[in-house]
């Protein structure tokens, strides 16, 4: 569902490679964790994956569609929750979701049912008539989640999605992630909360200083290295990479 081959992204102002020749594939039905320290290249990779940033080398395919060759078709397959709130605060929650539904050409009858269903699940139903500018951080995060789900994307990309969510909404999000995977869709999940990643992900990739350190199966990791938690494994890899420089 996601194919990244030899992706490289260099920032012209510094000449530094934020992402350095990374390759991996994410299959349908997977919840795939994407991990790394601050400044490792996670957000840059995600911004390339979602078409926000251009990249000078490599190929990204979403559901078999080359992102560079047909960006609109590729982006239609993606629902993206960024680590920063990007919403129109002058709109009501309902108007904002209608706008997103229009962008993704979701039929009127279908969008109404989906908005009501997800607003109910995230406890936002009674707040949709209010201005987004009046929302708390957590409410804006819930709105972002509903907006990303409204067109039922094949690929659900989440960058630190738990930030600001109350326990009930965090639970609902994890449930939705599992439902997506069970339906044969793909969840690409970046988070610093490694305990959650360890519980929900089938595989994880670890990146540091733009380099892909490993892609590992969580079941195999637990079987072969039962003495290590994902957090301990992550720290051992990133510390080793730091020492090698």
Protein backbone atom coordinates (compact mmCIF):
# COMPACT_ATOMS: atom_id res chain seq x y z
CA UNK A 1 0.00 0.00 0.00
CA UNK A 2 2.97 2.31 0.70
CA UNK A 3 6.21 1.89 -1.24
CA UNK A 4 9.18 4.13 -0.52
CA UNK A 5 12.25 3.42 -2.62
CA UNK A 6 15.58 5.23 -2.13
CA UNK A 7 13.94 8.40 -0.82
CA UNK A 8 16.34 11.31 -0.30
CA UNK A 9 15.44 14.82 0.81
CA UNK A 10 18.10 17.54 1.10
CA UNK A 11 17.35 21.01 2.43
CA UNK A 12 18.96 23.58 0.15
CA UNK A 13 19.61 26.17 2.84
CA UNK A 14 21.83 23.79 4.83
CA UNK A 15 22.79 21.09 2.34
CA UNK A 16 21.96 18.51 4.99
CA UNK A 17 20.17 15.30 4.07
CA UNK A 18 17.11 15.16 6.31
CA UNK A 19 16.25 11.81 4.72
CA UNK A 20 19.09 9.75 3.27
CA UNK A 21 18.29 6.95 0.80
CA UNK A 22 15.59 5.13 2.79
CA UNK A 23 13.45 2.28 1.44
CA UNK A 24 10.62 0.25 2.95
CA UNK A 25 7.16 -1.09 2.11
CA UNK A 26 3.97 -1.07 4.18
CA UNK A 27 1.39 -3.72 3.34
CA UNK A 28 -2.42 -3.60 3.41
CA UNK A 29 -3.79 -4.59 6.81
CA UNK A 30 -0.78 -3.26 8.73
CA UNK A 31 -0.44 -0.79 11.53
CA UNK A 32 3.11 0.35 10.86
CA UNK A 33 5.06 2.32 13.45
CA UNK A 34 7.56 4.95 12.35
CA UNK A 35 9.96 5.93 15.12
CA UNK A 36 12.96 8.13 15.70
CA UNK A 37 14.44 10.78 18.01
CA UNK A 38 13.72 14.46 17.49
CA UNK A 39 15.34 15.63 14.27
CA UNK A 40 15.68 12.09 12.93
CA UNK A 41 13.81 12.76 9.69
CA UNK A 42 10.40 11.37 10.67
CA UNK A 43 8.33 14.45 9.91
CA UNK A 44 10.27 15.14 6.72
CA UNK A 45 9.58 11.60 5.52
CA UNK A 46 5.90 11.96 6.36
CA UNK A 47 5.68 15.32 4.57
CA UNK A 48 7.25 13.72 1.47
CA UNK A 49 4.91 10.72 1.79
CA UNK A 50 1.83 12.96 1.91
CA UNK A 51 2.97 15.24 -0.92
CA UNK A 52 3.62 18.31 1.24
CA UNK A 53 7.36 18.41 0.48
CA UNK A 54 9.08 17.69 -2.84
CA UNK A 55 11.96 15.23 -2.89
CA UNK A 56 14.87 15.12 -5.29
CA UNK A 57 15.54 11.39 -5.34
CA UNK A 58 13.50 8.24 -4.94
CA UNK A 59 10.01 6.95 -5.65
CA UNK A 60 6.92 6.98 -3.43
CA UNK A 61 3.85 4.97 -4.41
CA UNK A 62 0.51 5.03 -2.60
CA UNK A 63 -1.71 2.10 -3.53
CA UNK A 64 0.40 1.61 -6.65
CA UNK A 65 0.12 5.27 -7.72
CA UNK A 66 3.39 7.19 -8.16
CA UNK A 67 3.11 10.32 -6.03
CA UNK A 68 5.36 12.38 -8.31
CA UNK A 69 3.59 11.34 -11.51
CA UNK A 70 -0.02 11.59 -10.30
CA UNK A 71 -0.07 13.52 -7.02
CA UNK A 72 -3.83 14.16 -6.95
CA UNK A 73 -4.77 10.47 -7.31
CA UNK A 74 -2.16 9.46 -4.73
CA UNK A 75 -3.27 12.08 -2.21
CA UNK A 76 -6.92 11.04 -2.54
CA UNK A 77 -5.90 7.69 -1.05
CA UNK A 78 -4.44 9.33 2.07
CA UNK A 79 -6.00 10.64 5.27
CA UNK A 80 -3.38 12.68 7.14
CA UNK A 81 -3.31 13.90 10.74
CA UNK A 82 -0.26 16.20 11.12
CA UNK A 83 1.58 16.95 14.34
CA UNK A 84 0.43 20.58 14.08
CA UNK A 85 -3.16 21.76 13.83
CA UNK A 86 -3.87 23.14 10.36
CA UNK A 87 -7.51 24.20 10.46
CA UNK A 88 -9.58 27.20 9.38
CA UNK A 89 -10.41 28.75 12.72
CA UNK A 90 -13.00 31.16 11.29
CA UNK A 91 -15.29 28.25 10.34
CA UNK A 92 -17.49 26.18 12.59
CA UNK A 93 -16.47 22.57 13.06
CA UNK A 94 -19.35 21.46 10.82
CA UNK A 95 -18.41 23.90 8.04
CA UNK A 96 -14.79 22.82 8.20
CA UNK A 97 -15.74 19.15 7.80
CA UNK A 98 -18.07 20.04 4.92
CA UNK A 99 -15.15 21.83 3.26
CA UNK A 100 -12.89 18.78 3.61
CA UNK A 101 -15.67 16.51 2.33
CA UNK A 102 -15.98 18.75 -0.73
CA UNK A 103 -12.24 18.56 -1.38
CA UNK A 104 -12.41 14.76 -1.39
CA UNK A 105 -15.72 14.70 -3.30
CA UNK A 106 -17.58 12.73 -0.61
CA UNK A 107 -21.30 12.44 -1.53
CA UNK A 108 -23.65 14.48 0.66
CA UNK A 109 -25.58 11.55 2.17
CA UNK A 110 -22.39 9.64 2.89
CA UNK A 111 -20.58 12.57 4.49
CA UNK A 112 -23.50 13.31 6.84
CA UNK A 113 -23.45 9.77 8.23
CA UNK A 114 -19.68 9.72 8.61
CA UNK A 115 -19.47 13.13 10.29
CA UNK A 116 -22.18 12.14 12.79
CA UNK A 117 -20.59 8.75 13.44
CA UNK A 118 -17.06 10.00 14.04
CA UNK A 119 -18.18 13.11 15.94
CA UNK A 120 -20.12 10.81 18.28
CA UNK A 121 -17.12 8.52 18.75
CA UNK A 122 -14.77 11.41 19.56
CA UNK A 123 -17.27 13.31 21.74
CA UNK A 124 -17.44 16.31 19.41
CA UNK A 125 -21.04 16.05 18.21
CA UNK A 126 -22.38 18.88 20.38
CA UNK A 127 -19.43 21.16 19.49
CA UNK A 128 -19.66 21.20 15.69
CA UNK A 129 -21.77 24.38 15.60
CA UNK A 130 -19.06 26.28 17.48
CA UNK A 131 -16.21 28.21 15.85
CA UNK A 132 -13.01 26.18 15.46
CA UNK A 133 -11.18 29.19 16.93
CA UNK A 134 -12.95 28.54 20.25
CA UNK A 135 -11.83 24.90 20.37
CA UNK A 136 -9.29 23.59 22.85
CA UNK A 137 -6.14 21.84 21.65
CA UNK A 138 -7.77 18.45 22.15
CA UNK A 139 -10.94 19.43 20.30
CA UNK A 140 -8.90 20.61 17.31
CA UNK A 141 -7.09 17.28 17.31
CA UNK A 142 -10.41 15.45 17.26
CA UNK A 143 -11.56 17.63 14.36
CA UNK A 144 -8.36 16.78 12.46
CA UNK A 145 -8.99 13.09 13.01
CA UNK A 146 -12.57 13.28 11.71
CA UNK A 147 -11.40 15.32 8.70
CA UNK A 148 -8.77 12.68 7.89
CA UNK A 149 -11.33 9.87 8.10
CA UNK A 150 -14.24 11.49 6.25
CA UNK A 151 -13.32 10.05 2.83
CA UNK A 152 -12.41 6.62 4.26
CA UNK A 153 -8.84 6.70 2.93
CA UNK A 154 -6.90 3.58 2.01
CA UNK A 155 -3.89 4.92 3.93
CA UNK A 156 -4.31 6.60 7.33
CA UNK A 157 -1.16 8.63 8.19
CA UNK A 158 -0.82 9.77 11.80
CA UNK A 159 1.96 12.00 13.13
CA UNK A 160 1.80 12.18 16.96
CA UNK A 161 -2.00 11.80 16.92
CA UNK A 162 -2.49 11.19 20.66
CA UNK A 163 -1.29 14.66 21.68
CA UNK A 164 -4.06 16.47 23.54
CA UNK A 165 -6.56 13.62 23.38
CA UNK A 166 -8.46 12.54 26.48
CA UNK A 167 -8.32 8.84 27.45
CA UNK A 168 -11.66 8.01 25.82
CA UNK A 169 -10.67 9.60 22.50
CA UNK A 170 -7.26 7.90 22.60
CA UNK A 171 -9.05 4.60 23.06
CA UNK A 172 -11.41 5.35 20.15
CA UNK A 173 -8.47 6.24 17.90
CA UNK A 174 -6.67 2.99 18.71
CA UNK A 175 -9.91 1.10 18.04
CA UNK A 176 -10.34 2.84 14.67
CA UNK A 177 -6.73 2.02 13.78
CA UNK A 178 -7.40 -1.66 14.50
CA UNK A 179 -10.64 -1.52 12.47
CA UNK A 180 -8.76 -0.03 9.53
CA UNK A 181 -6.14 -2.75 9.60
CA UNK A 182 -8.81 -5.47 9.91
CA UNK A 183 -10.51 -4.04 6.81
CA UNK A 184 -7.29 -4.43 4.80
CA UNK A 185 -6.33 -0.77 4.90
CA UNK A 186 -3.03 0.68 6.09
CA UNK A 187 -2.17 2.77 9.14
CA UNK A 188 1.15 4.63 9.21
CA UNK A 189 1.70 5.72 12.80
CA UNK A 190 4.48 7.98 14.11
CA UNK A 191 4.66 8.56 17.84
CA UNK A 192 7.05 9.10 20.73
CA UNK A 193 4.73 7.08 22.99
CA UNK A 194 6.51 3.77 22.50
CA UNK A 195 4.25 1.86 24.88
CA UNK A 196 1.31 2.53 22.54
CA UNK A 197 3.37 1.70 19.44
CA UNK A 198 4.43 -1.58 21.02
CA UNK A 199 0.82 -2.55 21.72
CA UNK A 200 -0.83 -1.61 18.42
CA UNK A 201 1.78 -1.97 15.66
CA UNK A 202 2.58 -5.12 13.69
CA UNK A 203 5.89 -3.74 12.39
CA UNK A 204 8.04 -0.71 13.15
CA UNK A 205 10.74 1.23 11.34
CA UNK A 206 13.36 3.21 13.26
CA UNK A 207 15.10 6.19 11.66
CA UNK A 208 17.91 8.35 13.01
CA UNK A 209 19.80 11.23 11.38
CA UNK A 210 17.99 10.52 8.13
CA UNK A 211 19.12 6.90 7.96
CA UNK A 212 16.83 3.90 8.30
CA UNK A 213 18.28 1.80 11.11
CA UNK A 214 15.87 -1.14 10.99
CA UNK A 215 12.43 -2.41 10.04
CA UNK A 216 11.34 -5.12 12.43
CA UNK A 217 8.33 -7.35 13.02
CA UNK A 218 6.99 -6.79 16.52
CA UNK A 219 6.08 -10.44 17.03
CA UNK A 220 9.57 -11.56 16.04
CA UNK A 221 11.13 -8.89 18.23
CA UNK A 222 9.16 -10.10 21.24
CA UNK A 223 10.08 -13.73 20.53
CA UNK A 224 13.78 -13.19 19.85
CA UNK A 225 14.44 -10.39 22.32
CA UNK A 226 11.91 -11.00 25.05
CA UNK A 227 14.26 -9.34 27.55
CA UNK A 228 13.91 -5.98 25.78
CA UNK A 229 10.91 -3.69 25.54
CA UNK A 230 10.47 -1.69 22.34
CA UNK A 231 11.68 1.35 24.27
CA UNK A 232 14.89 -0.41 25.29
CA UNK A 233 15.42 -1.76 21.76
CA UNK A 234 14.86 1.72 20.32
CA UNK A 235 17.34 3.31 22.72
CA UNK A 236 19.96 0.62 22.08
CA UNK A 237 19.77 1.22 18.32
CA UNK A 238 19.76 5.02 18.41
CA UNK A 239 22.55 5.16 21.01
CA UNK A 240 24.64 2.77 18.90
CA UNK A 241 24.07 4.95 15.84
CA UNK A 242 25.14 8.00 17.84
CA UNK A 243 28.31 6.27 19.04
CA UNK A 244 29.23 5.24 15.49
CA UNK A 245 29.39 8.86 14.27
